[in-house]
Amino acid sequence: MNILEKLKKQVIISVQAMPDEPLYDEGCMIAMMQSVINGGAKGLRLAGSRDVKNAKKLFDVPVIGLTKPDKLPNNWKEVVYITPTLKEVDELINAGADIIATDATMRPRPKESLEEIINYIKSKNKLAMADISTFEEGLNAKKLGFDVISTTLSGYTQNSRQDLTTPDFELLEKLVKELDCPIILEGRIWEISEVNKAFELGAYSVVIGSAVTRPQLITKRFCERGEND
């Protein structure tokens, strides 16, 4: 069974923390990976070579690798910051990532073109995931040859839908109908019903992050709900 077949109709968990967060500790991240795998996750989406290396050494599940800056810039809606250059791609390949995720939006890139990025990933016999924010970006990613397209950045760019409360099911549905490649729903998934809806609409896989692995955000939701009662 190849990497993508292992992820078909499965839940992938994004296990990430920023360097200034308590769970960024290496041991904490490994424990979190083990916990979500114990719970049934069939794949991991990880930021940084450290966590990718540990996952490939310790666990037998597909690993989607990406990089992010230690601190997001103030103008994060305007700039490419997920695996932005070949330098970061190389770090992830050397760490053993099965799938390399990169920003595939239409925003200006800091160095190499998106076409150069994907050609390099393919030359290293790795799968390429396009993190996009709009339907047009999905079409472009497919044209360039990305193996997987994910709705990761919908709501997080200036040109995309600005609703930051619910998953972008409309984008998912349009991509599934138009493109003949795996389409992944990612972003703002908090309910089991949303996972079920994603698969009903044709999602290949679903990536869940904050609702599982960000205790500060989970706690905040409960606390703010209590204040509104």
Protein backbone atom coordinates (compact mmCIF):
# COMPACT_ATOMS: atom_id res chain seq x y z
CA MET A 1 0.00 0.00 0.00
CA ASN A 2 1.49 3.36 -0.99
CA ILE A 3 1.56 6.45 1.19
CA LEU A 4 -1.57 8.08 -0.18
CA GLU A 5 -3.61 4.88 -0.02
CA LYS A 6 -2.83 4.66 3.69
CA LEU A 7 -4.44 8.08 4.18
CA LYS A 8 -7.60 7.54 2.13
CA LYS A 9 -10.74 8.27 4.17
CA GLN A 10 -8.60 8.66 7.28
CA VAL A 11 -8.02 11.31 9.92
CA ILE A 12 -4.60 12.97 10.01
CA ILE A 13 -3.59 14.88 13.12
CA SER A 14 -1.49 18.02 12.96
CA VAL A 15 0.79 17.86 15.98
CA GLN A 16 2.39 21.28 16.21
CA ALA A 17 3.40 23.87 18.78
CA MET A 18 5.22 27.17 18.54
CA PRO A 19 8.61 27.48 20.28
CA ASP A 20 7.16 29.77 22.96
CA GLU A 21 4.47 27.23 23.93
CA PRO A 22 4.92 24.63 26.72
CA LEU A 23 4.23 21.63 24.47
CA TYR A 24 7.03 22.53 22.06
CA ASP A 25 9.37 20.49 24.27
CA GLU A 26 10.66 17.51 22.27
CA GLY A 27 9.42 14.94 24.76
CA CYS A 28 5.98 16.54 24.85
CA MET A 29 5.67 16.46 21.09
CA ILE A 30 6.66 12.79 20.92
CA ALA A 31 4.12 11.97 23.63
CA MET A 32 1.44 13.86 21.72
CA MET A 33 2.25 11.96 18.52
CA GLN A 34 2.01 8.66 20.34
CA SER A 35 -1.26 9.70 21.96
CA VAL A 36 -3.01 10.60 18.71
CA ILE A 37 -1.77 7.43 17.02
CA ASN A 38 -3.10 5.43 19.95
CA GLY A 39 -6.41 7.18 19.33
CA GLY A 40 -6.52 6.08 15.70
CA ALA A 41 -4.78 8.79 13.68
CA LYS A 42 -3.44 7.28 10.47
CA GLY A 43 -1.07 10.12 9.61
CA LEU A 44 0.78 13.04 11.15
CA ARG A 45 1.31 16.60 9.91
CA LEU A 46 4.39 18.02 11.59
CA ALA A 47 6.34 21.27 11.53
CA GLY A 48 10.13 21.15 11.52
CA SER A 49 12.83 18.57 10.92
CA ARG A 50 13.15 17.66 14.62
CA ASP A 51 9.62 16.34 14.90
CA VAL A 52 9.67 14.75 11.44
CA LYS A 53 12.84 12.81 12.31
CA ASN A 54 11.38 11.60 15.59
CA ALA A 55 8.12 10.54 13.97
CA LYS A 56 9.87 8.56 11.23
CA LYS A 57 12.10 6.87 13.80
CA LEU A 58 9.36 5.96 16.26
CA PHE A 59 6.10 5.49 14.36
CA ASP A 60 4.86 3.64 11.30
CA VAL A 61 2.47 6.19 9.81
CA PRO A 62 2.80 8.59 6.86
CA VAL A 63 4.33 11.91 7.82
CA ILE A 64 3.48 15.22 6.16
CA GLY A 65 6.32 17.66 6.82
CA LEU A 66 6.37 21.43 6.65
CA THR A 67 8.25 24.32 8.19
CA LYS A 68 7.08 27.51 9.84
CA PRO A 69 8.99 30.46 11.31
CA ASP A 70 9.49 30.51 15.08
CA LYS A 71 7.14 33.49 15.20
CA LEU A 72 4.62 34.45 12.56
CA PRO A 73 5.17 37.91 11.05
CA ASN A 74 2.59 40.61 11.73
CA ASN A 75 1.64 40.60 8.04
CA TRP A 76 1.14 36.82 7.96
CA LYS A 77 -1.89 37.09 5.67
CA GLU A 78 0.30 38.67 3.00
CA VAL A 79 3.40 36.46 2.99
CA VAL A 80 4.44 32.87 2.28
CA TYR A 81 5.68 31.21 5.47
CA ILE A 82 4.90 27.48 5.13
CA THR A 83 7.96 25.76 3.63
CA PRO A 84 8.80 28.90 1.63
CA THR A 85 12.09 27.93 -0.10
CA LEU A 86 14.15 24.97 -1.28
CA LYS A 87 16.26 25.23 1.86
CA GLU A 88 13.30 24.21 4.01
CA VAL A 89 12.23 21.56 1.50
CA ASP A 90 15.68 20.00 1.75
CA GLU A 91 15.51 19.99 5.55
CA LEU A 92 12.26 18.05 5.45
CA ILE A 93 13.46 15.61 2.80
CA ASN A 94 16.61 14.89 4.81
CA ALA A 95 14.46 14.39 7.91
CA GLY A 96 12.49 11.69 6.09
CA ALA A 97 9.09 13.31 5.47
CA ASP A 98 6.91 11.25 3.13
CA ILE A 99 4.93 14.25 1.88
CA ILE A 100 6.25 17.81 1.66
CA ALA A 101 3.64 20.51 2.27
CA THR A 102 4.24 24.00 0.97
CA ASP A 103 2.29 27.22 0.57
CA ALA A 104 0.81 27.10 -2.93
CA THR A 105 -1.05 30.39 -2.82
CA MET A 106 -0.65 33.15 -5.38
CA ARG A 107 1.25 35.37 -2.97
CA PRO A 108 4.79 36.54 -3.87
CA ARG A 109 7.42 33.98 -2.89
CA PRO A 110 10.64 34.94 -1.09
CA LYS A 111 12.98 33.08 -3.45
CA GLU A 112 12.24 30.15 -5.77
CA SER A 113 9.04 29.94 -7.79
CA LEU A 114 6.32 27.45 -6.90
CA GLU A 115 7.13 25.53 -10.07
CA GLU A 116 10.77 25.23 -9.00
CA ILE A 117 9.67 24.03 -5.57
CA ILE A 118 7.46 21.24 -6.84
CA ASN A 119 9.92 20.16 -9.54
CA TYR A 120 12.57 19.77 -6.86
CA ILE A 121 10.26 17.79 -4.57
CA LYS A 122 9.39 15.45 -7.44
CA SER A 123 13.06 15.07 -8.39
CA LYS A 124 13.65 13.67 -4.89
CA ASN A 125 10.80 11.15 -5.30
CA LYS A 126 8.67 12.76 -2.62
CA LEU A 127 4.97 13.57 -2.72
CA ALA A 128 3.99 17.24 -2.79
CA MET A 129 1.05 18.77 -0.91
CA ALA A 130 -0.30 22.17 -1.91
CA ASP A 131 -1.63 24.30 0.94
CA ILE A 132 -4.06 26.62 -0.83
CA SER A 133 -6.66 29.23 0.11
CA THR A 134 -8.83 29.65 -3.01
CA PHE A 135 -10.32 27.57 -5.82
CA GLU A 136 -8.06 29.26 -8.39
CA GLU A 137 -4.99 28.32 -6.37
CA GLY A 138 -6.21 24.73 -6.29
CA LEU A 139 -6.52 24.67 -10.06
CA ASN A 140 -3.03 26.11 -10.41
CA ALA A 141 -1.59 23.57 -7.98
CA LYS A 142 -3.10 20.71 -9.95
CA LYS A 143 -1.73 22.17 -13.19
CA LEU A 144 1.76 22.34 -11.66
CA GLY A 145 1.56 18.69 -10.67
CA PHE A 146 0.94 18.63 -6.93
CA ASP A 147 -0.08 15.18 -5.68
CA VAL A 148 -2.41 16.41 -2.94
CA ILE A 149 -4.29 19.66 -2.42
CA SER A 150 -5.37 20.89 1.00
CA THR A 151 -7.65 23.75 2.06
CA THR A 152 -5.17 24.64 4.82
CA LEU A 153 -4.89 28.36 4.11
CA SER A 154 -8.52 29.24 3.42
CA GLY A 155 -9.26 32.18 5.71
CA TYR A 156 -5.59 32.90 6.28
CA THR A 157 -4.85 34.96 3.19
CA GLN A 158 -6.23 38.30 2.06
CA ASN A 159 -7.86 36.79 -1.03
CA SER A 160 -9.67 33.92 0.64
CA ARG A 161 -12.90 33.57 2.59
CA GLN A 162 -12.53 35.46 5.88
CA ASP A 163 -14.77 33.26 8.03
CA LEU A 164 -12.45 31.87 10.73
CA THR A 165 -15.14 29.94 12.59
CA THR A 166 -16.05 27.01 10.33
CA PRO A 167 -14.35 24.71 7.78
CA ASP A 168 -14.47 25.84 4.16
CA PHE A 169 -16.81 23.14 2.88
CA GLU A 170 -17.66 25.20 -0.20
CA LEU A 171 -14.02 25.23 -1.32
CA LEU A 172 -13.69 21.51 -0.60
CA GLU A 173 -16.77 20.68 -2.66
CA LYS A 174 -15.66 22.77 -5.65
CA LEU A 175 -12.19 21.24 -5.65
CA VAL A 176 -13.52 17.68 -5.37
CA LYS A 177 -15.89 18.22 -8.30
CA GLU A 178 -13.29 19.83 -10.54
CA LEU A 179 -10.03 17.98 -9.83
CA ASP A 180 -9.09 14.31 -10.06
CA CYS A 181 -6.57 14.26 -7.24
CA PRO A 182 -6.82 13.82 -3.46
CA ILE A 183 -8.39 16.86 -1.79
CA ILE A 184 -7.89 17.25 1.95
CA LEU A 185 -10.01 19.37 4.25
CA GLU A 186 -7.99 21.21 6.87
CA GLY A 187 -8.80 24.19 9.02
CA ARG A 188 -11.22 24.97 11.87
CA ILE A 189 -12.57 21.44 12.33
CA TRP A 190 -13.94 21.07 15.86
CA GLU A 191 -16.87 18.66 15.60
CA ILE A 192 -17.33 15.01 14.58
CA SER A 193 -20.21 16.12 12.38
CA GLU A 194 -17.79 18.29 10.39
CA VAL A 195 -15.51 15.33 9.76
CA ASN A 196 -18.49 13.27 8.57
CA LYS A 197 -19.63 16.09 6.29
CA ALA A 198 -16.14 16.41 4.80
CA PHE A 199 -16.10 12.76 3.81
CA GLU A 200 -19.65 12.98 2.46
CA LEU A 201 -18.49 15.82 0.20
CA GLY A 202 -15.62 13.70 -1.11
CA ALA A 203 -12.66 14.68 1.03
CA TYR A 204 -9.80 12.23 0.61
CA SER A 205 -8.63 12.83 4.19
CA VAL A 206 -9.26 15.28 7.00
CA VAL A 207 -6.52 17.06 8.94
CA ILE A 208 -7.38 18.11 12.50
CA GLY A 209 -5.03 20.23 14.59
CA SER A 210 -6.11 22.64 17.29
CA ALA A 211 -9.19 20.68 18.36
CA VAL A 212 -6.91 17.83 19.41
CA THR A 213 -3.42 19.14 20.09
CA ARG A 214 -3.71 22.75 21.28
CA PRO A 215 -4.95 22.59 24.90
CA GLN A 216 -4.76 26.36 25.34
CA LEU A 217 -7.25 26.87 22.50
CA ILE A 218 -9.49 24.02 23.64
CA THR A 219 -9.57 25.50 27.14
CA LYS A 220 -10.23 28.98 25.77
CA ARG A 221 -13.32 27.75 23.93
CA PHE A 222 -14.80 26.28 27.08
CA CYS A 223 -13.94 29.32 29.18
CA GLU A 224 -15.35 31.80 26.71
CA ARG A 225 -18.51 29.73 26.31
CA GLY A 226 -18.95 29.80 30.08
CA GLU A 227 -18.62 33.57 30.14
CA ASN A 228 -21.37 33.89 27.54
CA ASP A 229 -23.87 31.71 29.42
